[in-house]
Amino acid sequence: MNAPLTDDDAALLRRYRRGDAAAFNALYQRHRLGLFRFLLGLCGDHALAEEVFQETWMSLVRSQSEQREAVLFKTWLYQIARNRLIDHWRKTGRHQAGHDEYDESQHALADPQPGPEQQWGLSRDSERLQAALADLPEDQREVFLMRAHGDLELNEIAELTRTPAETVKSRLRYALQKLRRLLATEELSA
């Protein structure tokens, strides 16, 4: 029984719960890159992001409950990930860690590799973006990452973070303004 990629997430989750491993694989393939980027962006630590990423999927696998129909699978998945990261921070008494480089080859689909000049440019752009993200206040960075990597709607982010929708909207607007300003400033000084 193969799970077509056209099935919605809720249908794939139901199929997985009935024993269809291909349905889980389709969910994983669909959400792994965005979820990992979200976690890495929040914590800035590759090893921690990888650990929480794995814990998130294991929590999903162990969970016997179905997601509520009113909540999208993606929102539920990101809530699990966010909770696991918060749990880790509470246990260790730490919040932010150093920034490691993100190894996209572990999580991305195989793509043709860009040439050396393009790789260097992409690496510099990535470093500039990571530095700009690190300068954002945590609440703005979290909302930006959920929108950018999770492709979550503002109302979904509001529900996930238990924050009023207008506050989420403001945080995203301020994050975008600050990122534009930081990246433009760095562009001029480069």
C-alpha atoms as a PDB file:
ATOM      1  CA  MET A   1       0.000   0.000   0.000  1.00  0.00           C
ATOM      2  CA  ASN A   2       1.817   3.136  -1.199  1.00  0.00           C
ATOM      3  CA  ALA A   3       0.896   6.557   0.127  1.00  0.00           C
ATOM      4  CA  PRO A   4       0.547   8.935  -2.762  1.00  0.00           C
ATOM      5  CA  LEU A   5       2.250  12.273  -2.235  1.00  0.00           C
ATOM      6  CA  THR A   6      -1.041  13.937  -3.132  1.00  0.00           C
ATOM      7  CA  ASP A   7      -2.738  12.741   0.092  1.00  0.00           C
ATOM      8  CA  ASP A   8      -3.134  15.481   2.664  1.00  0.00           C
ATOM      9  CA  ASP A   9      -1.155  15.199   5.888  1.00  0.00           C
ATOM     10  CA  ALA A  10      -4.126  14.099   7.999  1.00  0.00           C
ATOM     11  CA  ALA A  11      -4.872  11.251   5.573  1.00  0.00           C
ATOM     12  CA  LEU A  12      -1.228  10.189   5.583  1.00  0.00           C
ATOM     13  CA  LEU A  13      -1.170  10.210   9.386  1.00  0.00           C
ATOM     14  CA  ARG A  14      -4.300   8.063   9.524  1.00  0.00           C
ATOM     15  CA  ARG A  15      -2.757   5.629   7.023  1.00  0.00           C
ATOM     16  CA  TYR A  16       0.440   5.492   9.059  1.00  0.00           C
ATOM     17  CA  ARG A  17      -1.553   4.755  12.233  1.00  0.00           C
ATOM     18  CA  ARG A  18      -3.080   1.790  10.390  1.00  0.00           C
ATOM     19  CA  GLY A  19       0.384   0.422   9.584  1.00  0.00           C
ATOM     20  CA  ASP A  20       1.276   2.065   6.260  1.00  0.00           C
ATOM     21  CA  ALA A  21       5.003   2.841   6.631  1.00  0.00           C
ATOM     22  CA  ALA A  22       5.082   4.560   3.242  1.00  0.00           C
ATOM     23  CA  ALA A  23       2.592   7.108   4.573  1.00  0.00           C
ATOM     24  CA  PHE A  24       5.009   8.026   7.372  1.00  0.00           C
ATOM     25  CA  ASN A  25       7.832   8.309   4.855  1.00  0.00           C
ATOM     26  CA  ALA A  26       5.720  10.706   2.763  1.00  0.00           C
ATOM     27  CA  LEU A  27       5.024  12.862   5.861  1.00  0.00           C
ATOM     28  CA  TYR A  28       8.684  12.821   6.816  1.00  0.00           C
ATOM     29  CA  GLN A  29       9.849  13.766   3.321  1.00  0.00           C
ATOM     30  CA  ARG A  30       7.280  16.543   3.139  1.00  0.00           C
ATOM     31  CA  HIS A  31       8.190  18.203   6.456  1.00  0.00           C
ATOM     32  CA  ARG A  32      11.759  17.259   7.395  1.00  0.00           C
ATOM     33  CA  LEU A  33      13.687  20.117   5.832  1.00  0.00           C
ATOM     34  CA  GLY A  34      11.417  22.918   7.046  1.00  0.00           C
ATOM     35  CA  LEU A  35      11.193  21.428  10.523  1.00  0.00           C
ATOM     36  CA  PHE A  36      14.947  21.024  10.851  1.00  0.00           C
ATOM     37  CA  ARG A  37      15.624  24.536   9.577  1.00  0.00           C
ATOM     38  CA  PHE A  38      13.060  25.878  12.046  1.00  0.00           C
ATOM     39  CA  LEU A  39      14.752  24.107  14.975  1.00  0.00           C
ATOM     40  CA  LEU A  40      18.246  25.108  13.879  1.00  0.00           C
ATOM     41  CA  GLY A  41      17.152  28.689  13.481  1.00  0.00           C
ATOM     42  CA  LEU A  42      15.696  28.720  16.997  1.00  0.00           C
ATOM     43  CA  CYS A  43      18.564  27.091  18.834  1.00  0.00           C
ATOM     44  CA  GLY A  44      21.575  27.812  16.606  1.00  0.00           C
ATOM     45  CA  ASP A  45      23.147  24.479  17.535  1.00  0.00           C
ATOM     46  CA  HIS A  46      23.291  21.753  14.879  1.00  0.00           C
ATOM     47  CA  ALA A  47      23.607  18.884  17.347  1.00  0.00           C
ATOM     48  CA  LEU A  48      20.757  20.125  19.521  1.00  0.00           C
ATOM     49  CA  ALA A  49      18.555  20.780  16.485  1.00  0.00           C
ATOM     50  CA  GLU A  50      19.252  17.239  15.255  1.00  0.00           C
ATOM     51  CA  GLU A  51      18.453  15.773  18.688  1.00  0.00           C
ATOM     52  CA  VAL A  52      15.181  17.693  19.027  1.00  0.00           C
ATOM     53  CA  PHE A  53      14.336  16.903  15.389  1.00  0.00           C
ATOM     54  CA  GLN A  54      14.662  13.164  16.127  1.00  0.00           C
ATOM     55  CA  GLU A  55      12.741  13.489  19.420  1.00  0.00           C
ATOM     56  CA  THR A  56       9.938  15.271  17.576  1.00  0.00           C
ATOM     57  CA  TRP A  57       9.502  12.465  15.070  1.00  0.00           C
ATOM     58  CA  MET A  58       9.776   9.844  17.823  1.00  0.00           C
ATOM     59  CA  SER A  59       7.079  11.671  19.813  1.00  0.00           C
ATOM     60  CA  LEU A  60       4.878  11.626  16.750  1.00  0.00           C
ATOM     61  CA  VAL A  61       5.504   7.906  16.235  1.00  0.00           C
ATOM     62  CA  ARG A  62       4.806   7.094  19.910  1.00  0.00           C
ATOM     63  CA  SER A  63       1.710   9.259  20.072  1.00  0.00           C
ATOM     64  CA  GLN A  64      -1.483   7.264  19.955  1.00  0.00           C
ATOM     65  CA  SER A  65      -3.679  10.317  19.626  1.00  0.00           C
ATOM     66  CA  GLU A  66      -4.851  11.724  16.368  1.00  0.00           C
ATOM     67  CA  GLN A  67      -4.338  15.389  15.817  1.00  0.00           C
ATOM     68  CA  ARG A  68      -7.411  17.487  16.317  1.00  0.00           C
ATOM     69  CA  GLU A  69      -9.170  18.030  13.016  1.00  0.00           C
ATOM     70  CA  ALA A  70      -9.141  21.794  13.585  1.00  0.00           C
ATOM     71  CA  VAL A  71      -5.332  21.763  13.704  1.00  0.00           C
ATOM     72  CA  LEU A  72      -3.235  21.087  10.655  1.00  0.00           C
ATOM     73  CA  PHE A  73      -0.691  18.299  10.922  1.00  0.00           C
ATOM     74  CA  LYS A  74       2.113  20.764  10.255  1.00  0.00           C
ATOM     75  CA  THR A  75       1.002  23.019  13.112  1.00  0.00           C
ATOM     76  CA  TRP A  76       0.826  19.986  15.400  1.00  0.00           C
ATOM     77  CA  LEU A  77       4.291  18.800  14.311  1.00  0.00           C
ATOM     78  CA  TYR A  78       5.850  22.219  14.901  1.00  0.00           C
ATOM     79  CA  GLN A  79       4.164  22.435  18.303  1.00  0.00           C
ATOM     80  CA  ILE A  80       5.719  19.098  19.252  1.00  0.00           C
ATOM     81  CA  ALA A  81       9.140  20.321  18.075  1.00  0.00           C
ATOM     82  CA  ARG A  82       8.822  23.638  19.875  1.00  0.00           C
ATOM     83  CA  ASN A  83       7.768  21.891  23.101  1.00  0.00           C
ATOM     84  CA  ARG A  84      10.683  19.424  22.885  1.00  0.00           C
ATOM     85  CA  LEU A  85      13.146  22.298  22.458  1.00  0.00           C
ATOM     86  CA  ILE A  86      11.634  24.223  25.376  1.00  0.00           C
ATOM     87  CA  ASP A  87      11.794  21.036  27.489  1.00  0.00           C
ATOM     88  CA  HIS A  88      15.477  20.658  26.625  1.00  0.00           C
ATOM     89  CA  TRP A  89      16.211  24.272  27.554  1.00  0.00           C
ATOM     90  CA  ARG A  90      14.401  23.834  30.870  1.00  0.00           C
ATOM     91  CA  LYS A  91      16.307  20.646  31.701  1.00  0.00           C
ATOM     92  CA  THR A  92      19.701  22.128  30.918  1.00  0.00           C
ATOM     93  CA  GLY A  93      19.024  25.617  32.210  1.00  0.00           C
ATOM     94  CA  ARG A  94      20.372  26.962  28.937  1.00  0.00           C
ATOM     95  CA  HIS A  95      18.601  28.788  26.213  1.00  0.00           C
ATOM     96  CA  GLN A  96      20.943  29.736  23.416  1.00  0.00           C
ATOM     97  CA  ALA A  97      23.953  27.839  22.196  1.00  0.00           C
ATOM     98  CA  GLY A  98      26.722  28.627  19.735  1.00  0.00           C
ATOM     99  CA  HIS A  99      26.053  28.625  16.038  1.00  0.00           C
ATOM    100  CA  ASP A 100      27.193  25.651  14.020  1.00  0.00           C
ATOM    101  CA  GLU A 101      27.049  25.279  10.303  1.00  0.00           C
ATOM    102  CA  TYR A 102      23.967  23.587   8.912  1.00  0.00           C
ATOM    103  CA  ASP A 103      24.677  20.446   6.912  1.00  0.00           C
ATOM    104  CA  GLU A 104      21.836  20.502   4.430  1.00  0.00           C
ATOM    105  CA  SER A 105      23.067  17.282   2.807  1.00  0.00           C
ATOM    106  CA  GLN A 106      21.651  15.349   5.769  1.00  0.00           C
ATOM    107  CA  HIS A 107      18.151  16.725   5.254  1.00  0.00           C
ATOM    108  CA  ALA A 108      17.749  18.003   1.714  1.00  0.00           C
ATOM    109  CA  LEU A 109      16.811  16.067  -1.358  1.00  0.00           C
ATOM    110  CA  ALA A 110      19.707  15.493  -3.726  1.00  0.00           C
ATOM    111  CA  ASP A 111      20.150  18.542  -5.943  1.00  0.00           C
ATOM    112  CA  PRO A 112      22.760  19.304  -8.566  1.00  0.00           C
ATOM    113  CA  GLN A 113      25.658  20.983  -6.795  1.00  0.00           C
ATOM    114  CA  PRO A 114      26.401  24.608  -7.666  1.00  0.00           C
ATOM    115  CA  GLY A 115      29.873  25.545  -8.841  1.00  0.00           C
ATOM    116  CA  PRO A 116      32.558  26.776  -6.422  1.00  0.00           C
ATOM    117  CA  GLU A 117      31.839  30.486  -7.009  1.00  0.00           C
ATOM    118  CA  GLN A 118      28.130  29.970  -6.435  1.00  0.00           C
ATOM    119  CA  GLN A 119      28.801  27.842  -3.355  1.00  0.00           C
ATOM    120  CA  TRP A 120      31.010  30.596  -1.928  1.00  0.00           C
ATOM    121  CA  GLY A 121      28.304  33.196  -2.599  1.00  0.00           C
ATOM    122  CA  LEU A 122      25.613  30.995  -1.082  1.00  0.00           C
ATOM    123  CA  SER A 123      27.797  30.326   1.943  1.00  0.00           C
ATOM    124  CA  ARG A 124      28.381  34.058   2.496  1.00  0.00           C
ATOM    125  CA  ASP A 125      24.663  34.790   2.058  1.00  0.00           C
ATOM    126  CA  SER A 126      23.803  32.021   4.500  1.00  0.00           C
ATOM    127  CA  GLU A 127      26.277  33.364   7.065  1.00  0.00           C
ATOM    128  CA  ARG A 128      24.901  36.902   6.669  1.00  0.00           C
ATOM    129  CA  LEU A 129      21.341  35.651   7.093  1.00  0.00           C
ATOM    130  CA  GLN A 130      22.254  33.547  10.155  1.00  0.00           C
ATOM    131  CA  ALA A 131      23.993  36.555  11.727  1.00  0.00           C
ATOM    132  CA  ALA A 132      20.987  38.770  11.001  1.00  0.00           C
ATOM    133  CA  LEU A 133      18.616  36.145  12.442  1.00  0.00           C
ATOM    134  CA  ALA A 134      20.765  35.898  15.570  1.00  0.00           C
ATOM    135  CA  ASP A 135      20.325  39.666  16.074  1.00  0.00           C
ATOM    136  CA  LEU A 136      16.536  39.379  16.125  1.00  0.00           C
ATOM    137  CA  PRO A 137      14.736  39.202  19.466  1.00  0.00           C
ATOM    138  CA  GLU A 138      13.770  35.598  20.157  1.00  0.00           C
ATOM    139  CA  ASP A 139      10.024  36.090  19.738  1.00  0.00           C
ATOM    140  CA  GLN A 140      10.513  37.757  16.338  1.00  0.00           C
ATOM    141  CA  ARG A 141      12.996  35.094  15.197  1.00  0.00           C
ATOM    142  CA  GLU A 142      10.611  32.302  16.195  1.00  0.00           C
ATOM    143  CA  VAL A 143       7.685  33.813  14.269  1.00  0.00           C
ATOM    144  CA  PHE A 144       9.883  34.500  11.237  1.00  0.00           C
ATOM    145  CA  LEU A 145      11.235  30.933  11.207  1.00  0.00           C
ATOM    146  CA  MET A 146       7.781  29.383  11.563  1.00  0.00           C
ATOM    147  CA  ARG A 147       6.587  31.450   8.615  1.00  0.00           C
ATOM    148  CA  ALA A 148       9.706  31.024   6.467  1.00  0.00           C
ATOM    149  CA  HIS A 149      10.609  27.385   7.112  1.00  0.00           C
ATOM    150  CA  GLY A 150       7.344  26.005   8.395  1.00  0.00           C
ATOM    151  CA  ASP A 151       5.241  27.902   5.872  1.00  0.00           C
ATOM    152  CA  LEU A 152       2.698  28.359   8.657  1.00  0.00           C
ATOM    153  CA  GLU A 153      -0.061  30.934   8.388  1.00  0.00           C
ATOM    154  CA  LEU A 154      -0.211  33.742  10.949  1.00  0.00           C
ATOM    155  CA  ASN A 155      -3.276  32.254  12.658  1.00  0.00           C
ATOM    156  CA  GLU A 156      -1.475  28.892  12.933  1.00  0.00           C
ATOM    157  CA  ILE A 157       1.574  30.578  14.477  1.00  0.00           C
ATOM    158  CA  ALA A 158      -0.703  32.443  16.891  1.00  0.00           C
ATOM    159  CA  GLU A 159      -2.338  29.188  17.965  1.00  0.00           C
ATOM    160  CA  LEU A 160       0.966  27.344  18.231  1.00  0.00           C
ATOM    161  CA  THR A 161       2.640  30.056  20.334  1.00  0.00           C
ATOM    162  CA  ARG A 162      -0.544  30.942  22.231  1.00  0.00           C
ATOM    163  CA  THR A 163      -0.052  34.555  21.192  1.00  0.00           C
ATOM    164  CA  PRO A 164      -2.712  36.934  19.829  1.00  0.00           C
ATOM    165  CA  ALA A 165      -2.748  37.026  16.019  1.00  0.00           C
ATOM    166  CA  GLU A 166      -2.092  40.779  15.945  1.00  0.00           C
ATOM    167  CA  THR A 167       1.001  40.292  18.100  1.00  0.00           C
ATOM    168  CA  VAL A 168       2.257  37.588  15.736  1.00  0.00           C
ATOM    169  CA  LYS A 169       1.624  39.883  12.788  1.00  0.00           C
ATOM    170  CA  SER A 170       3.569  42.701  14.482  1.00  0.00           C
ATOM    171  CA  ARG A 171       6.464  40.419  15.402  1.00  0.00           C
ATOM    172  CA  LEU A 172       6.723  39.198  11.828  1.00  0.00           C
ATOM    173  CA  ARG A 173       6.586  42.739  10.447  1.00  0.00           C
ATOM    174  CA  TYR A 174       9.300  43.931  12.868  1.00  0.00           C
ATOM    175  CA  ALA A 175      11.434  40.878  12.099  1.00  0.00           C
ATOM    176  CA  LEU A 176      11.215  41.496   8.362  1.00  0.00           C
ATOM    177  CA  GLN A 177      12.017  45.186   8.779  1.00  0.00           C
ATOM    178  CA  LYS A 178      15.025  44.458  10.963  1.00  0.00           C
ATOM    179  CA  LEU A 179      16.289  41.682   8.664  1.00  0.00           C
ATOM    180  CA  ARG A 180      16.024  43.982   5.638  1.00  0.00           C
ATOM    181  CA  ARG A 181      17.863  46.723   7.495  1.00  0.00           C
ATOM    182  CA  LEU A 182      20.602  44.379   8.785  1.00  0.00           C
ATOM    183  CA  LEU A 183      21.121  42.697   5.433  1.00  0.00           C
ATOM    184  CA  ALA A 184      21.142  46.032   3.568  1.00  0.00           C
ATOM    185  CA  THR A 185      23.694  47.433   6.037  1.00  0.00           C
ATOM    186  CA  GLU A 186      25.925  44.384   5.613  1.00  0.00           C
ATOM    187  CA  GLU A 187      25.572  44.595   1.817  1.00  0.00           C
ATOM    188  CA  LEU A 188      26.786  48.212   1.849  1.00  0.00           C
ATOM    189  CA  SER A 189      29.743  47.437   4.105  1.00  0.00           C
ATOM    190  CA  ALA A 190      30.811  44.364   2.084  1.00  0.00           C
END
